Amino acid sequence: MADETGHILEIVEIARETGKIRKGINETTKSIERGEAKLVIYANDVDPKEITMHLKPLCNEKNIPCVVVSSKNELGRAAGIDVSTASVSIADLGEAKEKLDKISKKKA
């Protein structure tokens, strides 16, 4: 899991530089509902859990890949902000698409 988390955070960093990301639970939720999100990442250490509980079912409903990482602090850093974030959505993967495809093939 730790290795996979590192790859996911790297995808966020690459997408931040070459693509389009939304940071925070409200922006993430809006991007899912609008059909803009291509990938959603949320942190497992968010308290209370109710903050992120709706993301997985919403992503399933919209057929958007949804991934959990262990730390909101690491997710915030990867997203390029100085504070932690509960979630990030990627609307345009940019150059991160290749890396995501490689991870997806390894899982299959």
N, C-alpha and C. Protein backbone atom coordinates (compact mmCIF):
# COMPACT_ATOMS: atom_id res chain seq x y z
N MET A 1 0.83 -1.20 0.00
CA MET A 1 0.00 0.00 0.00
C MET A 1 0.87 1.26 0.00
N ALA A 2 1.95 1.25 0.78
CA ALA A 2 2.81 2.43 0.86
C ALA A 2 3.41 2.76 -0.50
N ASP A 3 3.81 1.72 -1.25
CA ASP A 3 4.38 1.93 -2.57
C ASP A 3 3.34 2.52 -3.51
N GLU A 4 2.12 1.98 -3.44
CA GLU A 4 1.03 2.47 -4.28
C GLU A 4 0.70 3.92 -3.92
N THR A 5 0.70 4.24 -2.62
CA THR A 5 0.44 5.61 -2.18
C THR A 5 1.46 6.57 -2.78
N GLY A 6 2.72 6.16 -2.78
CA GLY A 6 3.77 6.99 -3.38
C GLY A 6 3.52 7.25 -4.85
N HIS A 7 3.08 6.23 -5.57
CA HIS A 7 2.79 6.39 -7.00
C HIS A 7 1.60 7.34 -7.20
N ILE A 8 0.57 7.19 -6.38
CA ILE A 8 -0.61 8.05 -6.49
C ILE A 8 -0.24 9.50 -6.21
N LEU A 9 0.55 9.72 -5.15
CA LEU A 9 0.96 11.09 -4.82
C LEU A 9 1.83 11.69 -5.93
N GLU A 10 2.63 10.84 -6.57
CA GLU A 10 3.44 11.30 -7.70
C GLU A 10 2.55 11.72 -8.87
N ILE A 11 1.47 10.98 -9.09
CA ILE A 11 0.50 11.34 -10.13
C ILE A 11 -0.11 12.70 -9.84
N VAL A 12 -0.44 12.95 -8.57
CA VAL A 12 -1.00 14.26 -8.18
C VAL A 12 0.01 15.37 -8.47
N GLU A 13 1.27 15.13 -8.12
CA GLU A 13 2.32 16.14 -8.36
C GLU A 13 2.48 16.44 -9.85
N ILE A 14 2.51 15.40 -10.66
CA ILE A 14 2.66 15.59 -12.11
C ILE A 14 1.44 16.30 -12.68
N ALA A 15 0.25 15.89 -12.26
CA ALA A 15 -0.98 16.52 -12.75
C ALA A 15 -1.05 17.98 -12.33
N ARG A 16 -0.54 18.28 -11.16
CA ARG A 16 -0.51 19.67 -10.68
C ARG A 16 0.31 20.55 -11.63
N GLU A 17 1.40 20.00 -12.14
CA GLU A 17 2.29 20.75 -13.02
C GLU A 17 1.78 20.84 -14.46
N THR A 18 1.19 19.77 -14.96
CA THR A 18 0.86 19.71 -16.38
C THR A 18 -0.63 19.59 -16.67
N GLY A 19 -1.43 19.43 -15.65
CA GLY A 19 -2.86 19.24 -15.85
C GLY A 19 -3.69 20.19 -15.03
N LYS A 20 -4.83 19.70 -14.59
CA LYS A 20 -5.77 20.52 -13.84
C LYS A 20 -6.26 19.74 -12.63
N ILE A 21 -6.07 20.30 -11.42
CA ILE A 21 -6.56 19.62 -10.23
C ILE A 21 -7.43 20.55 -9.40
N ARG A 22 -8.30 19.94 -8.61
CA ARG A 22 -9.15 20.65 -7.66
C ARG A 22 -8.80 20.13 -6.28
N LYS A 23 -8.65 21.05 -5.32
CA LYS A 23 -8.23 20.68 -3.97
C LYS A 23 -9.34 20.96 -2.98
N GLY A 24 -9.52 20.06 -2.03
CA GLY A 24 -10.52 20.24 -0.99
C GLY A 24 -11.80 19.48 -1.28
N ILE A 25 -12.53 19.19 -0.22
CA ILE A 25 -13.72 18.34 -0.33
C ILE A 25 -14.81 18.99 -1.19
N ASN A 26 -15.04 20.30 -1.03
CA ASN A 26 -16.10 20.96 -1.80
C ASN A 26 -15.77 21.01 -3.29
N GLU A 27 -14.55 21.40 -3.62
CA GLU A 27 -14.14 21.46 -5.03
C GLU A 27 -14.14 20.07 -5.66
N THR A 28 -13.70 19.08 -4.90
CA THR A 28 -13.69 17.70 -5.40
C THR A 28 -15.10 17.23 -5.69
N THR A 29 -16.01 17.45 -4.74
CA THR A 29 -17.41 17.04 -4.91
C THR A 29 -18.03 17.71 -6.13
N LYS A 30 -17.80 19.00 -6.29
CA LYS A 30 -18.35 19.73 -7.45
C LYS A 30 -17.81 19.16 -8.76
N SER A 31 -16.51 18.85 -8.79
CA SER A 31 -15.93 18.34 -10.04
C SER A 31 -16.48 16.96 -10.39
N ILE A 32 -16.80 16.15 -9.37
CA ILE A 32 -17.42 14.84 -9.62
C ILE A 32 -18.82 15.04 -10.17
N GLU A 33 -19.61 15.88 -9.50
CA GLU A 33 -21.00 16.10 -9.91
C GLU A 33 -21.11 16.70 -11.30
N ARG A 34 -20.15 17.52 -11.67
CA ARG A 34 -20.15 18.15 -13.00
C ARG A 34 -19.58 17.24 -14.08
N GLY A 35 -19.04 16.09 -13.68
CA GLY A 35 -18.47 15.16 -14.63
C GLY A 35 -17.09 15.56 -15.13
N GLU A 36 -16.42 16.46 -14.41
CA GLU A 36 -15.10 16.94 -14.81
C GLU A 36 -13.97 16.05 -14.30
N ALA A 37 -14.18 15.37 -13.20
CA ALA A 37 -13.11 14.59 -12.55
C ALA A 37 -12.79 13.33 -13.36
N LYS A 38 -11.49 13.09 -13.54
CA LYS A 38 -11.01 11.86 -14.19
C LYS A 38 -10.48 10.88 -13.15
N LEU A 39 -10.06 11.42 -12.00
CA LEU A 39 -9.53 10.61 -10.90
C LEU A 39 -9.75 11.38 -9.61
N VAL A 40 -10.18 10.68 -8.56
CA VAL A 40 -10.39 11.28 -7.25
C VAL A 40 -9.50 10.57 -6.24
N ILE A 41 -8.82 11.36 -5.42
CA ILE A 41 -7.96 10.81 -4.36
C ILE A 41 -8.41 11.45 -3.06
N TYR A 42 -8.62 10.63 -2.02
CA TYR A 42 -8.94 11.21 -0.72
C TYR A 42 -8.13 10.53 0.37
N ALA A 43 -7.97 11.24 1.48
CA ALA A 43 -7.13 10.78 2.57
C ALA A 43 -7.92 9.93 3.56
N ASN A 44 -7.27 8.89 4.06
CA ASN A 44 -7.89 7.97 5.01
C ASN A 44 -7.90 8.51 6.44
N ASP A 45 -7.03 9.48 6.73
CA ASP A 45 -6.91 9.96 8.11
C ASP A 45 -7.75 11.20 8.40
N VAL A 46 -8.77 11.45 7.59
CA VAL A 46 -9.66 12.58 7.82
C VAL A 46 -10.60 12.25 8.98
N ASP A 47 -10.77 13.22 9.87
CA ASP A 47 -11.64 13.02 11.03
C ASP A 47 -12.56 14.22 11.16
N PRO A 48 -13.85 14.04 11.17
CA PRO A 48 -14.59 12.78 11.15
C PRO A 48 -14.67 12.19 9.73
N LYS A 49 -14.84 10.89 9.68
CA LYS A 49 -14.88 10.15 8.41
C LYS A 49 -16.04 10.61 7.51
N GLU A 50 -17.08 11.17 8.14
CA GLU A 50 -18.25 11.62 7.38
C GLU A 50 -17.89 12.65 6.31
N ILE A 51 -16.78 13.34 6.50
CA ILE A 51 -16.36 14.36 5.54
C ILE A 51 -16.11 13.75 4.16
N THR A 52 -15.54 12.55 4.13
CA THR A 52 -15.20 11.92 2.85
C THR A 52 -16.08 10.73 2.48
N MET A 53 -17.01 10.37 3.34
CA MET A 53 -17.82 9.16 3.12
C MET A 53 -18.58 9.16 1.79
N HIS A 54 -19.00 10.32 1.33
CA HIS A 54 -19.82 10.39 0.12
C HIS A 54 -19.01 10.24 -1.17
N LEU A 55 -17.70 10.38 -1.10
CA LEU A 55 -16.89 10.40 -2.33
C LEU A 55 -16.91 9.07 -3.08
N LYS A 56 -16.68 7.98 -2.38
CA LYS A 56 -16.62 6.66 -3.03
C LYS A 56 -17.94 6.33 -3.74
N PRO A 57 -19.11 6.43 -3.04
CA PRO A 57 -20.37 6.13 -3.74
C PRO A 57 -20.64 7.07 -4.92
N LEU A 58 -20.29 8.34 -4.76
CA LEU A 58 -20.50 9.30 -5.85
C LEU A 58 -19.62 8.96 -7.05
N CYS A 59 -18.37 8.60 -6.79
CA CYS A 59 -17.46 8.19 -7.87
C CYS A 59 -17.95 6.92 -8.55
N ASN A 60 -18.43 5.96 -7.77
CA ASN A 60 -18.97 4.72 -8.34
C ASN A 60 -20.15 5.02 -9.25
N GLU A 61 -21.02 5.92 -8.81
CA GLU A 61 -22.20 6.30 -9.59
C GLU A 61 -21.80 6.95 -10.92
N LYS A 62 -20.73 7.72 -10.91
CA LYS A 62 -20.29 8.45 -12.11
C LYS A 62 -19.18 7.72 -12.87
N ASN A 63 -18.81 6.50 -12.41
CA ASN A 63 -17.75 5.71 -13.04
C ASN A 63 -16.41 6.45 -13.09
N ILE A 64 -16.05 7.05 -11.97
CA ILE A 64 -14.78 7.77 -11.85
C ILE A 64 -13.89 6.98 -10.90
N PRO A 65 -12.65 6.69 -11.29
CA PRO A 65 -11.74 5.98 -10.38
C PRO A 65 -11.52 6.80 -9.10
N CYS A 66 -11.53 6.09 -7.97
CA CYS A 66 -11.38 6.73 -6.67
C CYS A 66 -10.34 5.96 -5.87
N VAL A 67 -9.34 6.67 -5.34
CA VAL A 67 -8.22 6.05 -4.65
C VAL A 67 -8.07 6.68 -3.27
N VAL A 68 -7.69 5.85 -2.30
CA VAL A 68 -7.47 6.33 -0.94
C VAL A 68 -5.98 6.33 -0.65
N VAL A 69 -5.49 7.44 -0.07
CA VAL A 69 -4.12 7.52 0.41
C VAL A 69 -4.16 7.66 1.93
N SER A 70 -3.05 7.40 2.57
CA SER A 70 -3.05 7.34 4.03
C SER A 70 -3.04 8.70 4.72
N SER A 71 -2.47 9.72 4.12
CA SER A 71 -2.24 10.97 4.84
C SER A 71 -2.75 12.21 4.12
N LYS A 72 -3.55 13.00 4.83
CA LYS A 72 -4.03 14.27 4.27
C LYS A 72 -2.89 15.28 4.16
N ASN A 73 -1.89 15.17 5.04
CA ASN A 73 -0.73 16.07 4.95
C ASN A 73 0.06 15.81 3.68
N GLU A 74 0.32 14.52 3.39
CA GLU A 74 1.04 14.17 2.16
C GLU A 74 0.25 14.55 0.92
N LEU A 75 -1.07 14.37 0.98
CA LEU A 75 -1.91 14.73 -0.15
C LEU A 75 -1.87 16.24 -0.40
N GLY A 76 -1.91 17.02 0.66
CA GLY A 76 -1.79 18.48 0.52
C GLY A 76 -0.47 18.89 -0.08
N ARG A 77 0.61 18.27 0.40
CA ARG A 77 1.94 18.57 -0.15
C ARG A 77 2.02 18.23 -1.63
N ALA A 78 1.50 17.06 -2.00
CA ALA A 78 1.53 16.64 -3.40
C ALA A 78 0.70 17.59 -4.27
N ALA A 79 -0.37 18.14 -3.69
CA ALA A 79 -1.23 19.07 -4.43
C ALA A 79 -0.64 20.47 -4.52
N GLY A 80 0.48 20.69 -3.82
CA GLY A 80 1.16 21.97 -3.91
C GLY A 80 0.65 23.03 -2.96
N ILE A 81 0.01 22.61 -1.87
CA ILE A 81 -0.47 23.58 -0.88
C ILE A 81 0.23 23.34 0.45
N ASP A 82 0.27 24.37 1.27
CA ASP A 82 1.00 24.32 2.54
C ASP A 82 0.20 23.69 3.68
N VAL A 83 -1.04 23.33 3.44
CA VAL A 83 -1.88 22.72 4.47
C VAL A 83 -2.35 21.36 3.98
N SER A 84 -2.89 20.58 4.89
CA SER A 84 -3.41 19.27 4.50
C SER A 84 -4.71 19.45 3.71
N THR A 85 -5.06 18.42 2.95
CA THR A 85 -6.33 18.45 2.23
C THR A 85 -6.97 17.07 2.31
N ALA A 86 -8.28 17.06 2.46
CA ALA A 86 -9.02 15.80 2.58
C ALA A 86 -9.10 15.08 1.25
N SER A 87 -9.14 15.87 0.16
CA SER A 87 -9.31 15.24 -1.15
C SER A 87 -8.79 16.12 -2.28
N VAL A 88 -8.56 15.45 -3.40
CA VAL A 88 -8.12 16.10 -4.63
C VAL A 88 -8.82 15.40 -5.78
N SER A 89 -9.25 16.17 -6.75
CA SER A 89 -9.74 15.56 -7.98
C SER A 89 -8.89 16.07 -9.13
N ILE A 90 -8.67 15.21 -10.08
CA ILE A 90 -7.87 15.57 -11.25
C ILE A 90 -8.80 15.61 -12.45
N ALA A 91 -8.91 16.80 -13.04
CA ALA A 91 -9.77 16.99 -14.21
C ALA A 91 -9.01 16.73 -15.50
N ASP A 92 -7.72 17.02 -15.49
CA ASP A 92 -6.87 16.78 -16.65
C ASP A 92 -5.56 16.19 -16.13
N LEU A 93 -5.29 14.95 -16.47
CA LEU A 93 -4.11 14.27 -15.96
C LEU A 93 -2.81 14.83 -16.53
N GLY A 94 -2.87 15.44 -17.70
CA GLY A 94 -1.65 15.93 -18.33
C GLY A 94 -0.69 14.77 -18.55
N GLU A 95 0.58 14.97 -18.20
CA GLU A 95 1.60 13.95 -18.38
C GLU A 95 1.48 12.80 -17.38
N ALA A 96 0.61 12.94 -16.40
CA ALA A 96 0.43 11.88 -15.40
C ALA A 96 -0.37 10.70 -15.95
N LYS A 97 -1.00 10.87 -17.11
CA LYS A 97 -1.82 9.80 -17.68
C LYS A 97 -1.02 8.53 -17.92
N GLU A 98 0.20 8.68 -18.41
CA GLU A 98 1.05 7.50 -18.68
C GLU A 98 1.32 6.72 -17.39
N LYS A 99 1.65 7.43 -16.32
CA LYS A 99 1.95 6.79 -15.05
C LYS A 99 0.72 6.07 -14.50
N LEU A 100 -0.44 6.70 -14.61
CA LEU A 100 -1.68 6.08 -14.14
C LEU A 100 -1.99 4.82 -14.95
N ASP A 101 -1.76 4.88 -16.26
CA ASP A 101 -1.99 3.71 -17.11
C ASP A 101 -1.09 2.55 -16.71
N LYS A 102 0.18 2.84 -16.37
CA LYS A 102 1.11 1.80 -15.94
C LYS A 102 0.64 1.14 -14.64
N ILE A 103 0.18 1.94 -13.70
CA ILE A 103 -0.31 1.41 -12.42
C ILE A 103 -1.55 0.55 -12.66
N SER A 104 -2.45 1.03 -13.52
CA SER A 104 -3.67 0.28 -13.83
C SER A 104 -3.36 -1.07 -14.46
N LYS A 105 -2.36 -1.12 -15.34
CA LYS A 105 -1.98 -2.37 -15.99
C LYS A 105 -1.39 -3.36 -14.99
N LYS A 106 -0.62 -2.87 -14.02
CA LYS A 106 -0.04 -3.74 -13.00
C LYS A 106 -1.12 -4.38 -12.14
N LYS A 107 -2.20 -3.64 -11.88
CA LYS A 107 -3.29 -4.15 -11.05
C LYS A 107 -4.12 -5.19 -11.80
N ALA A 108 -4.21 -5.05 -13.11
CA ALA A 108 -5.06 -5.94 -13.91
C ALA A 108 -4.48 -7.33 -14.03
